[in-house]
Amino acid sequence: MQDGKVKILCMSDLHGCVNYSRLADVAIRKKVDVVAIAGDIETAVIGSSHERHFEREFLGMCNKMLFHGIEVVATPGNHDSFLREELGNGRKRFAGNLHILVDRCETVCGLKFYGTPWVPFINGQWCWERADNRLDEKFDLIPSGIDVLVCHTPPEGVGEEETFDVSRQHYRMYWKHFGSKSLREAILRCRPRCVVCGHIHSGDHRLNRVGESALINCSLIDERYHEAYKPAEIVIESHAGGSVKMKFKTEGAKKWETM
C-alpha cells in the first residue's frame, strides 16, 4: 500500500483450468496489495483430487504471493467442496496471507472486506446453494460500511443491455437468466463501494453498477472451462477528509474508469 492507495487484483472461477503460479506472477508484477477471489477455487477437472489441487496449486500460489507481501481475500464457490469440509472441521488458516471469508467481514490493508459464498439453487448437489427466496437470511448479514463485497453469485439483472447482463449466460444459442434477487436487494441496502463476483463465466465483464455500488464479474474461464479472461484491477484511494476515489480496469478496457 502506497500513499493511501490499495491496489486489488480480482478474479473468480479458477476451476483448476488456469495456471495458478502464473496468476501469482501477474499479481507480483502489477505490485498489488490484495488479490480478491470470488469463489470456485478448486479444480473441476474430472478425476483430479480436490485436496491435492488445493494444497499444491492454490496454497502454492498464496505462499508465492506471501513472499511479496500480497494478501489474499477469498470466499468459496459452489465447487469448493474440500474447502467447505476443512472449514467445517475447524481449520481457519491455510496460509499466512489467506483470509477465507464465509459470511463475515475482515479488515485487510485498511479496507473492510465481506465474503459470502451462497448461490441460488442449482440442483441440490453443490455447496452453498439454496432457493433464492431463502438467501435473504444469508445476505441480510452483510453490514453497511464495507468497502469490498466478495460474493460468488452475481446479483440479478445487472447490465446496460440484456445481452450484456452480468447474470445472463450465453449457452447453446439461448440466454438463460442467473443471479440473485436477494443479493441485489442486499447491495442496494448496504451499499458497498465495490462488489466482486463470478459464477456466471460468460457474463458481462465490463464495469457495472448496482445503485451506488460498482460491480465486476471477474470469472477467468468461459463455459467450456477454457481460460478466456484476465483479472480485473481496482485501485481504491483514500484522501484526507474521508473522500474515496476508485479506479477500475476490466477485461478489454484500454483505459481506467473512475468512480
C-alpha atoms as a PDB file:
ATOM      1  CA  MET A   1       0.000   0.000   0.000  1.00  0.00           C
ATOM      2  CA  GLN A   2       1.490   3.345  -1.081  1.00  0.00           C
ATOM      3  CA  ASP A   3       0.259   6.899  -0.484  1.00  0.00           C
ATOM      4  CA  GLY A   4      -3.119   5.705   0.816  1.00  0.00           C
ATOM      5  CA  LYS A   5      -3.777   3.663  -2.332  1.00  0.00           C
ATOM      6  CA  VAL A   6      -4.774  -0.002  -2.168  1.00  0.00           C
ATOM      7  CA  LYS A   7      -4.412  -1.948  -5.416  1.00  0.00           C
ATOM      8  CA  ILE A   8      -6.591  -5.052  -5.765  1.00  0.00           C
ATOM      9  CA  LEU A   9      -6.430  -7.787  -8.406  1.00  0.00           C
ATOM     10  CA  CYS A  10      -9.824  -9.506  -8.751  1.00  0.00           C
ATOM     11  CA  MET A  11     -10.518 -12.990 -10.100  1.00  0.00           C
ATOM     12  CA  SER A  12     -13.024 -15.824  -9.831  1.00  0.00           C
ATOM     13  CA  ASP A  13     -13.772 -19.312 -11.165  1.00  0.00           C
ATOM     14  CA  LEU A  14     -10.256 -20.656 -11.438  1.00  0.00           C
ATOM     15  CA  HIS A  15     -11.567 -24.258 -11.518  1.00  0.00           C
ATOM     16  CA  GLY A  16      -8.098 -25.782 -11.943  1.00  0.00           C
ATOM     17  CA  CYS A  17      -8.202 -24.562 -15.552  1.00  0.00           C
ATOM     18  CA  VAL A  18      -5.684 -21.736 -15.150  1.00  0.00           C
ATOM     19  CA  ASN A  19      -2.006 -21.588 -14.245  1.00  0.00           C
ATOM     20  CA  TYR A  20      -2.012 -20.666 -10.563  1.00  0.00           C
ATOM     21  CA  SER A  21       1.702 -19.892 -10.427  1.00  0.00           C
ATOM     22  CA  ARG A  22       1.336 -17.551 -13.408  1.00  0.00           C
ATOM     23  CA  LEU A  23      -1.532 -15.729 -11.657  1.00  0.00           C
ATOM     24  CA  ALA A  24       0.803 -15.150  -8.718  1.00  0.00           C
ATOM     25  CA  ASP A  25       3.368 -13.754 -11.149  1.00  0.00           C
ATOM     26  CA  VAL A  26       0.756 -11.345 -12.535  1.00  0.00           C
ATOM     27  CA  ALA A  27      -0.068 -10.086  -9.031  1.00  0.00           C
ATOM     28  CA  ILE A  28       3.617  -9.683  -8.215  1.00  0.00           C
ATOM     29  CA  ARG A  29       4.386  -7.873 -11.477  1.00  0.00           C
ATOM     30  CA  LYS A  30       1.499  -5.458 -11.003  1.00  0.00           C
ATOM     31  CA  LYS A  31       2.602  -4.818  -7.397  1.00  0.00           C
ATOM     32  CA  VAL A  32      -0.896  -5.286  -5.976  1.00  0.00           C
ATOM     33  CA  ASP A  33      -1.657  -5.202  -2.269  1.00  0.00           C
ATOM     34  CA  VAL A  34      -4.581  -7.631  -2.272  1.00  0.00           C
ATOM     35  CA  VAL A  35      -5.846 -10.432  -4.509  1.00  0.00           C
ATOM     36  CA  ALA A  36      -9.640 -10.865  -4.168  1.00  0.00           C
ATOM     37  CA  ILE A  37     -11.057 -14.237  -5.268  1.00  0.00           C
ATOM     38  CA  ALA A  38     -14.821 -14.680  -5.659  1.00  0.00           C
ATOM     39  CA  GLY A  39     -15.079 -18.462  -5.433  1.00  0.00           C
ATOM     40  CA  ASP A  40     -14.661 -21.726  -7.341  1.00  0.00           C
ATOM     41  CA  ILE A  41     -11.040 -22.023  -6.331  1.00  0.00           C
ATOM     42  CA  GLU A  42     -10.807 -25.817  -6.512  1.00  0.00           C
ATOM     43  CA  THR A  43     -10.378 -27.958  -9.587  1.00  0.00           C
ATOM     44  CA  ALA A  44     -13.373 -29.019 -11.670  1.00  0.00           C
ATOM     45  CA  VAL A  45     -11.251 -31.392 -13.759  1.00  0.00           C
ATOM     46  CA  ILE A  46     -12.755 -34.897 -13.633  1.00  0.00           C
ATOM     47  CA  GLY A  47     -10.541 -37.369 -11.821  1.00  0.00           C
ATOM     48  CA  SER A  48      -8.452 -34.714 -10.083  1.00  0.00           C
ATOM     49  CA  SER A  49      -8.093 -34.652  -6.300  1.00  0.00           C
ATOM     50  CA  HIS A  50      -9.646 -31.529  -4.770  1.00  0.00           C
ATOM     51  CA  GLU A  51      -7.437 -31.852  -1.700  1.00  0.00           C
ATOM     52  CA  ARG A  52      -4.197 -32.298  -3.623  1.00  0.00           C
ATOM     53  CA  HIS A  53      -5.036 -29.461  -6.011  1.00  0.00           C
ATOM     54  CA  PHE A  54      -5.982 -27.078  -3.207  1.00  0.00           C
ATOM     55  CA  GLU A  55      -2.867 -27.865  -1.187  1.00  0.00           C
ATOM     56  CA  ARG A  56      -0.381 -27.803  -4.060  1.00  0.00           C
ATOM     57  CA  GLU A  57      -1.726 -25.345  -6.605  1.00  0.00           C
ATOM     58  CA  PHE A  58      -3.868 -22.846  -4.721  1.00  0.00           C
ATOM     59  CA  LEU A  59      -1.870 -22.660  -1.492  1.00  0.00           C
ATOM     60  CA  GLY A  60       1.306 -22.684  -3.585  1.00  0.00           C
ATOM     61  CA  MET A  61       0.025 -19.542  -5.327  1.00  0.00           C
ATOM     62  CA  CYS A  62      -0.821 -17.921  -1.982  1.00  0.00           C
ATOM     63  CA  ASN A  63       2.583 -18.698  -0.493  1.00  0.00           C
ATOM     64  CA  LYS A  64       4.328 -17.321  -3.576  1.00  0.00           C
ATOM     65  CA  MET A  65       2.470 -14.036  -3.112  1.00  0.00           C
ATOM     66  CA  LEU A  66       3.089 -14.071   0.642  1.00  0.00           C
ATOM     67  CA  PHE A  67       6.804 -13.707  -0.043  1.00  0.00           C
ATOM     68  CA  HIS A  68       5.994 -10.400  -1.775  1.00  0.00           C
ATOM     69  CA  GLY A  69       3.647  -9.129   0.942  1.00  0.00           C
ATOM     70  CA  ILE A  70       0.422  -9.671  -1.032  1.00  0.00           C
ATOM     71  CA  GLU A  71      -2.729 -10.517   0.942  1.00  0.00           C
ATOM     72  CA  VAL A  72      -5.374 -12.888  -0.456  1.00  0.00           C
ATOM     73  CA  VAL A  73      -9.068 -12.406   0.387  1.00  0.00           C
ATOM     74  CA  ALA A  74     -11.324 -15.210  -0.848  1.00  0.00           C
ATOM     75  CA  THR A  75     -14.819 -16.565  -0.464  1.00  0.00           C
ATOM     76  CA  PRO A  76     -15.648 -20.108  -1.658  1.00  0.00           C
ATOM     77  CA  GLY A  77     -17.944 -21.048  -4.516  1.00  0.00           C
ATOM     78  CA  ASN A  78     -20.323 -23.907  -5.221  1.00  0.00           C
ATOM     79  CA  HIS A  79     -17.452 -26.129  -6.459  1.00  0.00           C
ATOM     80  CA  ASP A  80     -15.341 -25.742  -3.315  1.00  0.00           C
ATOM     81  CA  SER A  81     -16.295 -28.962  -1.502  1.00  0.00           C
ATOM     82  CA  PHE A  82     -12.880 -29.662   0.051  1.00  0.00           C
ATOM     83  CA  LEU A  83     -12.707 -26.146   1.414  1.00  0.00           C
ATOM     84  CA  ARG A  84     -16.178 -26.498   2.943  1.00  0.00           C
ATOM     85  CA  GLU A  85     -15.101 -29.702   4.690  1.00  0.00           C
ATOM     86  CA  GLU A  86     -11.918 -28.112   6.015  1.00  0.00           C
ATOM     87  CA  LEU A  87     -13.795 -25.100   7.353  1.00  0.00           C
ATOM     88  CA  GLY A  88     -16.351 -27.415   8.933  1.00  0.00           C
ATOM     89  CA  ASN A  89     -13.539 -29.291  10.668  1.00  0.00           C
ATOM     90  CA  GLY A  90     -12.383 -26.068  12.291  1.00  0.00           C
ATOM     91  CA  ARG A  91      -9.415 -25.250  10.058  1.00  0.00           C
ATOM     92  CA  LYS A  92      -9.223 -21.466   9.938  1.00  0.00           C
ATOM     93  CA  ARG A  93      -5.830 -20.628   8.467  1.00  0.00           C
ATOM     94  CA  PHE A  94      -4.284 -22.219   5.420  1.00  0.00           C
ATOM     95  CA  ALA A  95      -1.535 -19.730   4.549  1.00  0.00           C
ATOM     96  CA  GLY A  96      -0.236 -16.702   6.423  1.00  0.00           C
ATOM     97  CA  ASN A  97      -1.746 -14.249   3.943  1.00  0.00           C
ATOM     98  CA  LEU A  98      -5.025 -16.062   3.134  1.00  0.00           C
ATOM     99  CA  HIS A  99      -8.297 -14.709   4.538  1.00  0.00           C
ATOM    100  CA  ILE A 100     -11.241 -17.064   3.850  1.00  0.00           C
ATOM    101  CA  LEU A 101     -14.478 -15.147   4.392  1.00  0.00           C
ATOM    102  CA  VAL A 102     -17.745 -17.045   4.800  1.00  0.00           C
ATOM    103  CA  ASP A 103     -20.469 -14.620   5.848  1.00  0.00           C
ATOM    104  CA  ARG A 104     -18.064 -12.433   7.750  1.00  0.00           C
ATOM    105  CA  CYS A 105     -16.045  -9.232   7.496  1.00  0.00           C
ATOM    106  CA  GLU A 106     -12.326  -8.651   7.897  1.00  0.00           C
ATOM    107  CA  THR A 107     -10.168  -5.547   7.547  1.00  0.00           C
ATOM    108  CA  VAL A 108      -7.233  -6.092   5.184  1.00  0.00           C
ATOM    109  CA  CYS A 109      -4.843  -3.307   4.160  1.00  0.00           C
ATOM    110  CA  GLY A 110      -7.165  -0.817   5.821  1.00  0.00           C
ATOM    111  CA  LEU A 111     -10.233  -1.854   3.783  1.00  0.00           C
ATOM    112  CA  LYS A 112     -13.289  -3.720   5.034  1.00  0.00           C
ATOM    113  CA  PHE A 113     -13.913  -6.897   3.002  1.00  0.00           C
ATOM    114  CA  TYR A 114     -17.010  -9.069   3.411  1.00  0.00           C
ATOM    115  CA  GLY A 115     -17.239 -12.500   1.803  1.00  0.00           C
ATOM    116  CA  THR A 116     -20.285 -14.667   1.121  1.00  0.00           C
ATOM    117  CA  PRO A 117     -20.274 -17.885  -0.958  1.00  0.00           C
ATOM    118  CA  TRP A 118     -24.027 -18.509  -1.353  1.00  0.00           C
ATOM    119  CA  VAL A 119     -25.652 -19.067  -4.772  1.00  0.00           C
ATOM    120  CA  PRO A 120     -29.258 -19.562  -5.913  1.00  0.00           C
ATOM    121  CA  PHE A 121     -30.386 -23.196  -6.113  1.00  0.00           C
ATOM    122  CA  ILE A 122     -28.806 -25.202  -8.940  1.00  0.00           C
ATOM    123  CA  ASN A 123     -29.765 -28.853  -8.447  1.00  0.00           C
ATOM    124  CA  GLY A 124     -29.113 -29.655  -4.797  1.00  0.00           C
ATOM    125  CA  GLN A 125     -25.719 -31.255  -5.439  1.00  0.00           C
ATOM    126  CA  TRP A 126     -23.430 -28.290  -4.876  1.00  0.00           C
ATOM    127  CA  CYS A 127     -22.008 -26.340  -1.947  1.00  0.00           C
ATOM    128  CA  TRP A 128     -23.601 -23.218  -0.509  1.00  0.00           C
ATOM    129  CA  GLU A 129     -26.778 -23.332  -2.629  1.00  0.00           C
ATOM    130  CA  ARG A 130     -30.346 -22.669  -1.571  1.00  0.00           C
ATOM    131  CA  ALA A 131     -33.524 -21.223  -3.058  1.00  0.00           C
ATOM    132  CA  ASP A 132     -33.113 -17.520  -3.787  1.00  0.00           C
ATOM    133  CA  ASN A 133     -36.153 -16.628  -1.670  1.00  0.00           C
ATOM    134  CA  ARG A 134     -34.245 -18.100   1.298  1.00  0.00           C
ATOM    135  CA  LEU A 135     -30.926 -16.420   0.542  1.00  0.00           C
ATOM    136  CA  ASP A 136     -32.052 -13.195   2.199  1.00  0.00           C
ATOM    137  CA  GLU A 137     -31.318 -14.965   5.511  1.00  0.00           C
ATOM    138  CA  LYS A 138     -27.647 -15.002   4.497  1.00  0.00           C
ATOM    139  CA  PHE A 139     -27.409 -11.740   2.592  1.00  0.00           C
ATOM    140  CA  ASP A 140     -29.145  -9.820   5.381  1.00  0.00           C
ATOM    141  CA  LEU A 141     -25.955 -10.468   7.358  1.00  0.00           C
ATOM    142  CA  ILE A 142     -23.983  -8.161   5.036  1.00  0.00           C
ATOM    143  CA  PRO A 143     -23.324  -4.982   7.025  1.00  0.00           C
ATOM    144  CA  SER A 144     -23.262  -1.397   5.842  1.00  0.00           C
ATOM    145  CA  GLY A 145     -19.954   0.445   5.674  1.00  0.00           C
ATOM    146  CA  ILE A 146     -17.910  -2.204   3.852  1.00  0.00           C
ATOM    147  CA  ASP A 147     -15.519  -1.340   1.060  1.00  0.00           C
ATOM    148  CA  VAL A 148     -15.456  -4.568  -0.982  1.00  0.00           C
ATOM    149  CA  LEU A 149     -18.130  -7.266  -1.098  1.00  0.00           C
ATOM    150  CA  VAL A 150     -16.698 -10.544  -2.430  1.00  0.00           C
ATOM    151  CA  CYS A 151     -19.530 -12.894  -3.445  1.00  0.00           C
ATOM    152  CA  HIS A 152     -19.670 -15.901  -5.733  1.00  0.00           C
ATOM    153  CA  THR A 153     -23.045 -15.251  -7.344  1.00  0.00           C
ATOM    154  CA  PRO A 154     -23.831 -12.018  -9.166  1.00  0.00           C
ATOM    155  CA  PRO A 155     -26.982 -10.094  -8.273  1.00  0.00           C
ATOM    156  CA  GLU A 156     -29.983 -10.463 -10.535  1.00  0.00           C
ATOM    157  CA  GLY A 157     -30.388  -8.296 -13.603  1.00  0.00           C
ATOM    158  CA  VAL A 158     -27.282  -6.143 -13.838  1.00  0.00           C
ATOM    159  CA  GLY A 159     -26.200  -4.681 -17.158  1.00  0.00           C
ATOM    160  CA  GLU A 160     -26.913  -1.846 -19.538  1.00  0.00           C
ATOM    161  CA  GLU A 161     -28.229  -4.193 -22.225  1.00  0.00           C
ATOM    162  CA  GLU A 162     -29.955  -7.538 -21.861  1.00  0.00           C
ATOM    163  CA  THR A 163     -27.350  -9.326 -23.952  1.00  0.00           C
ATOM    164  CA  PHE A 164     -24.552  -7.991 -21.734  1.00  0.00           C
ATOM    165  CA  ASP A 165     -26.212  -8.771 -18.402  1.00  0.00           C
ATOM    166  CA  VAL A 166     -23.559  -9.928 -15.937  1.00  0.00           C
ATOM    167  CA  SER A 167     -26.032 -12.505 -14.631  1.00  0.00           C
ATOM    168  CA  ARG A 168     -27.015 -13.987 -18.001  1.00  0.00           C
ATOM    169  CA  GLN A 169     -25.281 -16.929 -19.587  1.00  0.00           C
ATOM    170  CA  HIS A 170     -24.992 -17.417 -23.336  1.00  0.00           C
ATOM    171  CA  TYR A 171     -25.002 -21.179 -23.753  1.00  0.00           C
ATOM    172  CA  ARG A 172     -26.126 -23.359 -26.671  1.00  0.00           C
ATOM    173  CA  MET A 173     -27.625 -20.423 -28.538  1.00  0.00           C
ATOM    174  CA  TYR A 174     -30.067 -19.205 -25.894  1.00  0.00           C
ATOM    175  CA  TRP A 175     -29.942 -16.812 -22.980  1.00  0.00           C
ATOM    176  CA  LYS A 176     -30.737 -18.083 -19.515  1.00  0.00           C
ATOM    177  CA  HIS A 177     -31.063 -15.786 -16.539  1.00  0.00           C
ATOM    178  CA  PHE A 178     -28.994 -16.346 -13.409  1.00  0.00           C
ATOM    179  CA  GLY A 179     -28.157 -14.180 -10.412  1.00  0.00           C
ATOM    180  CA  SER A 180     -29.763 -13.477  -7.061  1.00  0.00           C
ATOM    181  CA  LYS A 181     -32.593 -11.040  -6.427  1.00  0.00           C
ATOM    182  CA  SER A 182     -31.882 -11.310  -2.684  1.00  0.00           C
ATOM    183  CA  LEU A 183     -28.274 -10.243  -3.250  1.00  0.00           C
ATOM    184  CA  ARG A 184     -29.345  -7.297  -5.384  1.00  0.00           C
ATOM    185  CA  GLU A 185     -31.647  -6.087  -2.586  1.00  0.00           C
ATOM    186  CA  ALA A 186     -28.836  -6.505  -0.049  1.00  0.00           C
ATOM    187  CA  ILE A 187     -26.409  -4.477  -2.192  1.00  0.00           C
ATOM    188  CA  LEU A 188     -28.944  -1.663  -2.556  1.00  0.00           C
ATOM    189  CA  ARG A 189     -29.434  -1.720   1.212  1.00  0.00           C
ATOM    190  CA  CYS A 190     -25.835  -1.858   2.477  1.00  0.00           C
ATOM    191  CA  ARG A 191     -24.155  -0.011  -0.453  1.00  0.00           C
ATOM    192  CA  PRO A 192     -20.654  -1.489  -0.529  1.00  0.00           C
ATOM    193  CA  ARG A 193     -18.212   0.582  -2.556  1.00  0.00           C
ATOM    194  CA  CYS A 194     -17.394  -2.337  -4.824  1.00  0.00           C
ATOM    195  CA  VAL A 195     -18.827  -5.822  -5.497  1.00  0.00           C
ATOM    196  CA  VAL A 196     -16.608  -8.590  -6.894  1.00  0.00           C
ATOM    197  CA  CYS A 197     -18.419 -11.675  -8.213  1.00  0.00           C
ATOM    198  CA  GLY A 198     -18.165 -14.585 -10.645  1.00  0.00           C
ATOM    199  CA  HIS A 199     -20.138 -17.841 -11.061  1.00  0.00           C
ATOM    200  CA  ILE A 200     -21.506 -16.875 -14.494  1.00  0.00           C
ATOM    201  CA  HIS A 201     -18.411 -17.391 -16.604  1.00  0.00           C
ATOM    202  CA  SER A 202     -19.626 -15.661 -19.764  1.00  0.00           C
ATOM    203  CA  GLY A 203     -21.418 -12.775 -18.098  1.00  0.00           C
ATOM    204  CA  ASP A 204     -20.544  -9.191 -18.934  1.00  0.00           C
ATOM    205  CA  HIS A 205     -17.003  -8.454 -17.764  1.00  0.00           C
ATOM    206  CA  ARG A 206     -17.273  -4.681 -18.048  1.00  0.00           C
ATOM    207  CA  LEU A 207     -17.693  -2.370 -15.063  1.00  0.00           C
ATOM    208  CA  ASN A 208     -21.361  -2.346 -13.986  1.00  0.00           C
ATOM    209  CA  ARG A 209     -23.267  -0.648 -11.176  1.00  0.00           C
ATOM    210  CA  VAL A 210     -25.942  -1.652  -8.682  1.00  0.00           C
ATOM    211  CA  GLY A 211     -27.284   1.548  -7.200  1.00  0.00           C
ATOM    212  CA  GLU A 212     -24.236   3.352  -5.817  1.00  0.00           C
ATOM    213  CA  SER A 213     -22.020   0.245  -5.863  1.00  0.00           C
ATOM    214  CA  ALA A 214     -19.571  -0.679  -8.610  1.00  0.00           C
ATOM    215  CA  LEU A 215     -19.759  -4.326  -9.733  1.00  0.00           C
ATOM    216  CA  ILE A 216     -17.273  -6.519 -11.609  1.00  0.00           C
ATOM    217  CA  ASN A 217     -17.679 -10.070 -12.905  1.00  0.00           C
ATOM    218  CA  CYS A 218     -14.121 -11.402 -12.746  1.00  0.00           C
ATOM    219  CA  SER A 219     -14.521 -15.028 -13.882  1.00  0.00           C
ATOM    220  CA  LEU A 220     -11.400 -16.218 -15.687  1.00  0.00           C
ATOM    221  CA  ILE A 221     -12.886 -19.006 -17.824  1.00  0.00           C
ATOM    222  CA  ASP A 222     -15.651 -19.472 -20.399  1.00  0.00           C
ATOM    223  CA  GLU A 223     -18.493 -22.005 -20.489  1.00  0.00           C
ATOM    224  CA  ARG A 224     -16.176 -24.656 -21.943  1.00  0.00           C
ATOM    225  CA  TYR A 225     -13.849 -24.182 -18.961  1.00  0.00           C
ATOM    226  CA  HIS A 226     -11.116 -22.628 -21.097  1.00  0.00           C
ATOM    227  CA  GLU A 227      -9.183 -19.639 -19.784  1.00  0.00           C
ATOM    228  CA  ALA A 228     -10.753 -16.654 -21.527  1.00  0.00           C
ATOM    229  CA  TYR A 229     -10.497 -13.512 -19.374  1.00  0.00           C
ATOM    230  CA  LYS A 230      -7.907 -11.552 -17.448  1.00  0.00           C
ATOM    231  CA  PRO A 231      -8.222 -10.498 -13.794  1.00  0.00           C
ATOM    232  CA  ALA A 232      -9.781  -7.090 -13.153  1.00  0.00           C
ATOM    233  CA  GLU A 233      -7.836  -4.341 -11.388  1.00  0.00           C
ATOM    234  CA  ILE A 234      -9.105  -1.876  -8.782  1.00  0.00           C
ATOM    235  CA  VAL A 235      -7.309   0.981  -7.078  1.00  0.00           C
ATOM    236  CA  ILE A 236      -9.013   2.492  -4.026  1.00  0.00           C
ATOM    237  CA  GLU A 237      -7.514   5.796  -2.944  1.00  0.00           C
ATOM    238  CA  SER A 238      -8.444   7.443   0.357  1.00  0.00           C
ATOM    239  CA  HIS A 239      -7.920  11.181   0.683  1.00  0.00           C
ATOM    240  CA  ALA A 240      -7.618  13.348   3.729  1.00  0.00           C
ATOM    241  CA  GLY A 241     -11.086  14.336   4.825  1.00  0.00           C
ATOM    242  CA  GLY A 242     -12.598  10.928   4.166  1.00  0.00           C
ATOM    243  CA  SER A 243     -13.284  11.092   0.426  1.00  0.00           C
ATOM    244  CA  VAL A 244     -12.564   7.948  -1.589  1.00  0.00           C
ATOM    245  CA  LYS A 245     -11.776   7.542  -5.272  1.00  0.00           C
ATOM    246  CA  MET A 246     -11.778   4.217  -7.119  1.00  0.00           C
ATOM    247  CA  LYS A 247     -10.259   3.304 -10.470  1.00  0.00           C
ATOM    248  CA  PHE A 248     -11.161   0.163 -12.400  1.00  0.00           C
ATOM    249  CA  LYS A 249      -9.646  -1.648 -15.332  1.00  0.00           C
ATOM    250  CA  THR A 250     -11.576  -4.665 -16.608  1.00  0.00           C
ATOM    251  CA  GLU A 251     -11.188  -7.189 -19.417  1.00  0.00           C
ATOM    252  CA  GLY A 252     -10.730  -5.476 -22.762  1.00  0.00           C
ATOM    253  CA  ALA A 253     -10.633  -1.954 -21.312  1.00  0.00           C
ATOM    254  CA  LYS A 254      -7.987   0.319 -22.817  1.00  0.00           C
ATOM    255  CA  LYS A 255      -8.083   2.846 -20.002  1.00  0.00           C
ATOM    256  CA  TRP A 256      -9.024   3.151 -16.348  1.00  0.00           C
ATOM    257  CA  GLU A 257     -12.581   4.058 -15.335  1.00  0.00           C
ATOM    258  CA  THR A 258     -13.033   6.266 -12.274  1.00  0.00           C
ATOM    259  CA  MET A 259     -15.794   6.469  -9.668  1.00  0.00           C
END
